[in-house]
Protein backbone atom coordinates (compact mmCIF):
# COMPACT_ATOMS: atom_id res chain seq x y z
CA MET A 1 -4.35 0.74 -62.54
CA THR A 2 -2.62 3.81 -61.17
CA HIS A 3 -5.77 4.88 -59.37
CA THR A 4 -6.15 1.45 -57.77
CA LEU A 5 -2.57 1.33 -56.49
CA GLY A 6 -2.74 4.89 -55.13
CA ALA A 7 -5.92 4.38 -53.16
CA PRO A 8 -4.34 2.63 -50.19
CA THR A 9 -1.76 5.41 -49.93
CA HIS A 10 -4.51 8.00 -49.73
CA GLU A 11 -6.32 5.99 -47.08
CA ALA A 12 -3.16 5.55 -45.03
CA ARG A 13 -2.56 9.28 -45.00
CA SER A 14 -6.14 9.99 -43.97
CA THR A 15 -5.90 7.57 -41.06
CA ASP A 16 -2.67 9.20 -39.85
CA THR A 17 -4.22 12.67 -39.64
CA PRO A 18 -6.20 12.20 -36.39
CA ARG A 19 -3.05 11.04 -34.57
CA THR A 20 -1.35 14.42 -34.91
CA THR A 21 -4.39 16.46 -33.95
CA GLY A 22 -4.52 14.87 -30.51
CA VAL A 23 -0.95 15.76 -29.49
CA PRO A 24 -1.76 19.09 -27.74
CA GLU A 25 -4.54 17.41 -25.78
CA VAL A 26 -2.17 14.66 -24.67
CA ARG A 27 0.40 17.20 -23.57
CA GLU A 28 -2.20 19.12 -21.58
CA ALA A 29 -3.38 15.89 -19.95
CA ARG A 30 0.17 15.13 -18.87
CA ARG A 31 0.85 18.68 -17.69
CA ALA A 32 -2.21 18.82 -15.39
CA PRO A 33 -1.06 16.25 -12.80
CA ARG A 34 2.44 17.77 -12.81
CA THR A 35 0.99 21.18 -12.05
CA THR A 36 -1.04 19.71 -9.19
CA GLN A 37 2.04 17.98 -7.83
CA ARG A 38 4.05 21.20 -7.87
CA GLY A 39 1.25 23.08 -6.15
CA LEU A 40 1.12 20.50 -3.36
CA LEU A 41 4.90 20.56 -2.92
CA ILE A 42 5.01 24.36 -2.84
CA GLY A 43 2.36 24.29 -0.12
CA GLY A 44 4.61 22.05 1.96
CA MET A 45 7.61 24.29 1.27
CA VAL A 46 5.78 27.40 2.47
CA ALA A 47 4.63 25.80 5.74
CA GLY A 48 7.85 26.13 7.74
CA PRO A 49 8.84 29.71 6.83
CA LEU A 50 5.24 30.85 7.28
CA PHE A 51 4.94 29.33 10.76
CA LEU A 52 8.28 30.71 11.92
CA GLY A 53 7.66 34.15 10.44
CA VAL A 54 4.21 34.56 11.96
CA ALA A 55 5.37 33.28 15.35
CA THR A 56 8.44 35.54 15.37
CA VAL A 57 6.37 38.63 14.63
CA GLN A 58 3.97 37.72 17.44
CA GLY A 59 6.85 37.18 19.83
CA LEU A 60 8.14 40.67 19.07
CA VAL A 61 4.82 42.41 19.68
CA ARG A 62 3.17 40.34 22.43
CA GLU A 63 3.58 41.79 25.90
CA GLY A 64 5.60 39.63 28.25
CA PHE A 65 6.88 37.18 25.63
CA ASP A 66 10.59 36.41 25.98
CA PHE A 67 12.31 34.34 23.28
CA THR A 68 14.81 33.06 25.84
CA ARG A 69 12.13 31.82 28.23
CA ASN A 70 8.94 31.14 26.27
CA ALA A 71 8.16 28.70 23.47
CA PHE A 72 6.21 29.65 20.35
CA SER A 73 3.40 27.32 21.44
CA GLN A 74 2.57 29.66 24.33
CA LEU A 75 1.63 32.37 21.85
CA ALA A 76 -1.71 30.57 21.49
CA LEU A 77 -2.58 31.70 25.04
CA GLY A 78 -4.24 34.96 25.99
CA GLY A 79 -6.52 37.30 24.03
CA PRO A 80 -4.50 37.45 20.78
CA GLY A 81 -3.80 33.72 21.03
CA TRP A 82 -6.18 33.00 18.16
CA VAL A 83 -3.49 34.19 15.74
CA GLN A 84 -1.10 31.43 16.77
CA THR A 85 -3.94 28.90 16.80
CA ILE A 86 -4.68 29.74 13.16
CA ASN A 87 -0.95 29.59 12.49
CA PHE A 88 -0.90 26.01 13.79
CA VAL A 89 -3.93 25.04 11.68
CA VAL A 90 -2.67 26.59 8.44
CA THR A 91 0.81 25.13 8.90
CA GLY A 92 -0.59 21.68 9.60
CA ALA A 93 -2.79 21.84 6.50
CA LEU A 94 0.11 22.96 4.32
CA LEU A 95 2.32 20.17 5.65
CA LEU A 96 -0.37 17.64 4.78
CA THR A 97 -0.56 18.99 1.23
CA GLY A 98 3.22 18.69 1.06
CA ALA A 99 2.95 15.06 2.15
CA PHE A 100 0.58 14.34 -0.74
CA GLY A 101 2.94 16.15 -3.09
CA LEU A 102 5.91 14.06 -1.94
CA ARG A 103 3.84 10.92 -2.44
CA ARG A 104 3.36 11.88 -6.10
CA LEU A 105 6.97 12.96 -6.53
CA LEU A 106 8.46 9.79 -5.06
CA ARG A 107 6.00 7.40 -6.69
CA GLY A 108 7.73 4.24 -7.83
CA GLY A 109 11.01 5.10 -6.10
CA ALA A 110 12.79 5.09 -2.75
CA GLY A 111 10.81 6.60 0.11
CA GLU A 112 7.51 6.32 -1.74
CA ARG A 113 5.65 4.74 1.18
CA TRP A 114 7.16 6.12 4.38
CA VAL A 115 8.05 9.73 3.57
CA PRO A 116 4.42 10.84 2.95
CA VAL A 117 3.22 8.98 6.04
CA LEU A 118 5.87 10.49 8.30
CA ILE A 119 5.37 14.02 6.97
CA GLY A 120 1.62 13.50 7.35
CA VAL A 121 2.12 12.62 11.03
CA PHE A 122 4.24 15.75 11.42
CA GLY A 123 1.48 17.87 9.88
CA ALA A 124 -1.17 16.25 12.07
CA SER A 125 0.85 17.17 15.16
CA PHE A 126 0.37 20.87 14.32
CA LEU A 127 -3.37 20.38 14.09
CA ALA A 128 -3.30 18.65 17.48
CA ALA A 129 -1.28 21.57 18.88
CA ALA A 130 -4.03 23.93 17.73
CA VAL A 131 -6.67 21.95 19.63
CA PHE A 132 -4.68 21.15 22.78
CA ARG A 133 -2.94 24.33 23.91
CA ALA A 134 0.32 24.58 25.81
CA ASP A 135 0.30 25.60 29.46
CA ALA A 136 1.07 29.08 30.73
CA GLY A 137 4.37 29.57 32.51
CA ALA A 138 7.62 31.54 32.68
CA GLY A 139 5.61 34.73 33.04
CA PHE A 140 3.58 34.34 29.86
CA PRO A 141 0.92 35.39 29.18
CA ALA A 142 1.66 38.54 31.14
CA GLY A 143 0.77 38.02 34.80
CA SER A 144 1.16 34.23 34.69
CA PRO A 145 3.22 32.53 37.42
CA GLU A 146 6.84 31.67 36.76
CA THR A 147 6.27 28.00 37.40
CA GLY A 148 3.32 26.47 35.62
CA THR A 149 1.52 23.17 36.22
CA LEU A 150 1.14 20.48 33.58
CA SER A 151 -2.51 20.12 32.60
CA GLY A 152 -4.16 17.42 30.53
CA HIS A 153 -4.27 19.53 27.37
CA GLY A 154 -0.71 20.67 28.00
CA ALA A 155 0.45 17.06 28.21
CA VAL A 156 -1.28 16.18 24.94
CA HIS A 157 0.30 19.24 23.34
CA MET A 158 3.77 18.15 24.40
CA PHE A 159 3.23 14.51 23.44
CA SER A 160 1.87 15.35 19.98
CA GLY A 161 4.79 17.68 19.34
CA MET A 162 7.27 15.00 20.39
CA ILE A 163 5.66 12.39 18.12
CA GLY A 164 5.50 14.89 15.27
CA TYR A 165 9.16 15.81 15.40
CA LEU A 166 10.28 12.20 15.82
CA ALA A 167 8.32 11.44 12.65
CA LEU A 168 9.98 14.39 10.89
CA CYS A 169 13.44 13.18 11.92
CA ALA A 170 12.62 9.70 10.62
CA ALA A 171 11.41 11.27 7.35
CA PHE A 172 14.76 13.03 6.94
CA VAL A 173 16.60 9.74 7.25
CA VAL A 174 14.31 8.07 4.70
CA LEU A 175 14.57 11.07 2.35
CA ALA A 176 18.33 10.51 2.16
CA ARG A 177 17.67 7.53 -0.14
CA PRO A 178 15.79 9.36 -2.91
CA LEU A 179 18.23 12.25 -2.61
CA ALA A 180 21.18 9.91 -3.11
CA ALA A 181 19.38 8.08 -5.92
CA ARG A 182 19.08 11.40 -7.79
CA GLY A 183 22.78 12.16 -7.34
CA TYR A 184 22.39 14.64 -4.47
CA ARG A 185 24.93 12.94 -2.23
CA ALA A 186 25.80 15.99 -0.12
CA TRP A 187 22.10 16.61 0.46
CA ALA A 188 21.61 12.97 1.42
CA LEU A 189 24.40 13.21 4.00
CA ALA A 190 23.00 16.44 5.43
CA SER A 191 19.54 14.87 5.65
CA ARG A 192 20.98 12.06 7.76
CA LEU A 193 22.71 14.55 10.07
CA ALA A 194 19.79 16.99 10.46
CA PRO A 195 17.85 14.77 12.94
CA ALA A 196 20.79 14.83 15.36
CA LEU A 197 20.73 18.64 15.42
CA VAL A 198 16.95 18.79 15.80
CA LEU A 199 16.95 16.28 18.66
CA ALA A 200 19.89 18.05 20.33
CA GLY A 201 17.80 21.21 20.46
CA PHE A 202 14.93 19.31 22.05
CA ALA A 203 17.27 17.68 24.59
CA ALA A 204 18.57 21.08 25.68
CA SER A 205 15.09 22.62 25.95
CA GLY A 206 14.97 22.11 29.72
CA SER A 207 17.81 24.57 30.18
CA TYR A 208 17.67 26.71 27.06
CA VAL A 209 14.33 27.43 25.42
CA LEU A 210 16.15 29.04 22.50
CA ALA A 211 17.84 25.70 21.78
CA PHE A 212 14.40 24.09 21.53
CA THR A 213 13.18 26.85 19.22
CA ALA A 214 16.30 26.54 17.07
CA GLY A 215 15.93 22.75 16.80
CA ALA A 216 12.26 22.98 15.88
CA GLY A 217 12.95 25.77 13.37
CA LEU A 218 15.81 23.81 11.82
CA GLY A 219 13.48 20.87 11.23
CA LEU A 220 10.92 23.05 9.45
CA CYS A 221 13.55 24.82 7.34
CA TRP A 222 15.32 21.62 6.32
CA LEU A 223 12.03 20.11 5.17
CA THR A 224 11.49 23.19 2.99
CA ALA A 225 15.02 22.96 1.57
CA VAL A 226 14.87 19.23 0.78
CA THR A 227 11.46 19.53 -0.87
CA ALA A 228 12.70 22.44 -2.97
CA ARG A 229 15.78 20.45 -4.02
CA LEU A 230 13.70 17.47 -5.14
CA LEU A 231 11.19 19.68 -6.95
CA ALA A 232 13.91 21.66 -8.74
CA GLY A 233 15.51 18.46 -9.98
CA THR A 234 12.18 17.21 -11.29
CA VAL A 235 11.44 20.46 -13.13
CA THR A 236 14.90 20.41 -14.76
CA ALA A 237 14.48 16.82 -15.91
CA GLU A 238 11.06 17.59 -17.44
CA ARG A 239 12.33 20.40 -19.68
CA PRO A 240 12.84 19.51 -23.37
CA GLY A 241 16.35 18.19 -23.70
CA GLY A 242 16.91 18.73 -19.99
CA THR A 243 18.87 16.38 -17.75
CA GLN A 244 18.94 16.17 -14.01
CA ASP A 245 21.59 18.51 -12.70
CA ASP A 246 24.58 17.40 -10.70
CA GLY A 247 23.40 17.84 -7.14
CA ASP A 248 26.55 16.80 -5.27
CA HIS A 249 26.58 20.13 -3.43
CA LEU A 250 24.24 22.19 -1.26
CA GLY A 251 24.14 25.19 -3.58
């Protein structure tokens, strides 16, 4: 009698055993896509500082380059121009990986559709800039005339850059929604204001090349900052017992 009543209990325990053995495997399966997402986002975060750093170093060492008169795009001209061409390609590729990372991060929430598309367009504009070089002018490369002529490839270079940065500015506006949804209200406000500063730099480029460089650099740096803010909030929320931090500040 006792044996008969105890049998089901023994069977129930034996059927429960396989459930616990699979827990580590389940955790690893969940951790893998998160690791991939972080890798993609970090790639996008590195893009801006890498591009600006490499271009700045070139500007310091290339003969005839003047930061007040020449744009970074012109560094792709001349013998050592291949360095800047590679810089464009690598930056574009990293921005595209960042776009895929943001698609994963924002899945199911605000900005899920348009942010990856707009950042993808921005990344593609760097690849186009690598193929269609800017025109010489303002004395660079060394020996070039002060006043250059607009060529076909130069026009495509300018047009792709314009489209790319307009897409980036639109992405900043759209990113304000997921930032606000996560409680980062100050970041959301700054993301809505950043496009005005970027476009102001572009508008002043005819008179001050440094204003153009500053506007373009600001766009790249703000994309890095916003991506880092979103990623940091996600990592905090994923920790055991962790909650999303109060992000109503820019610190």
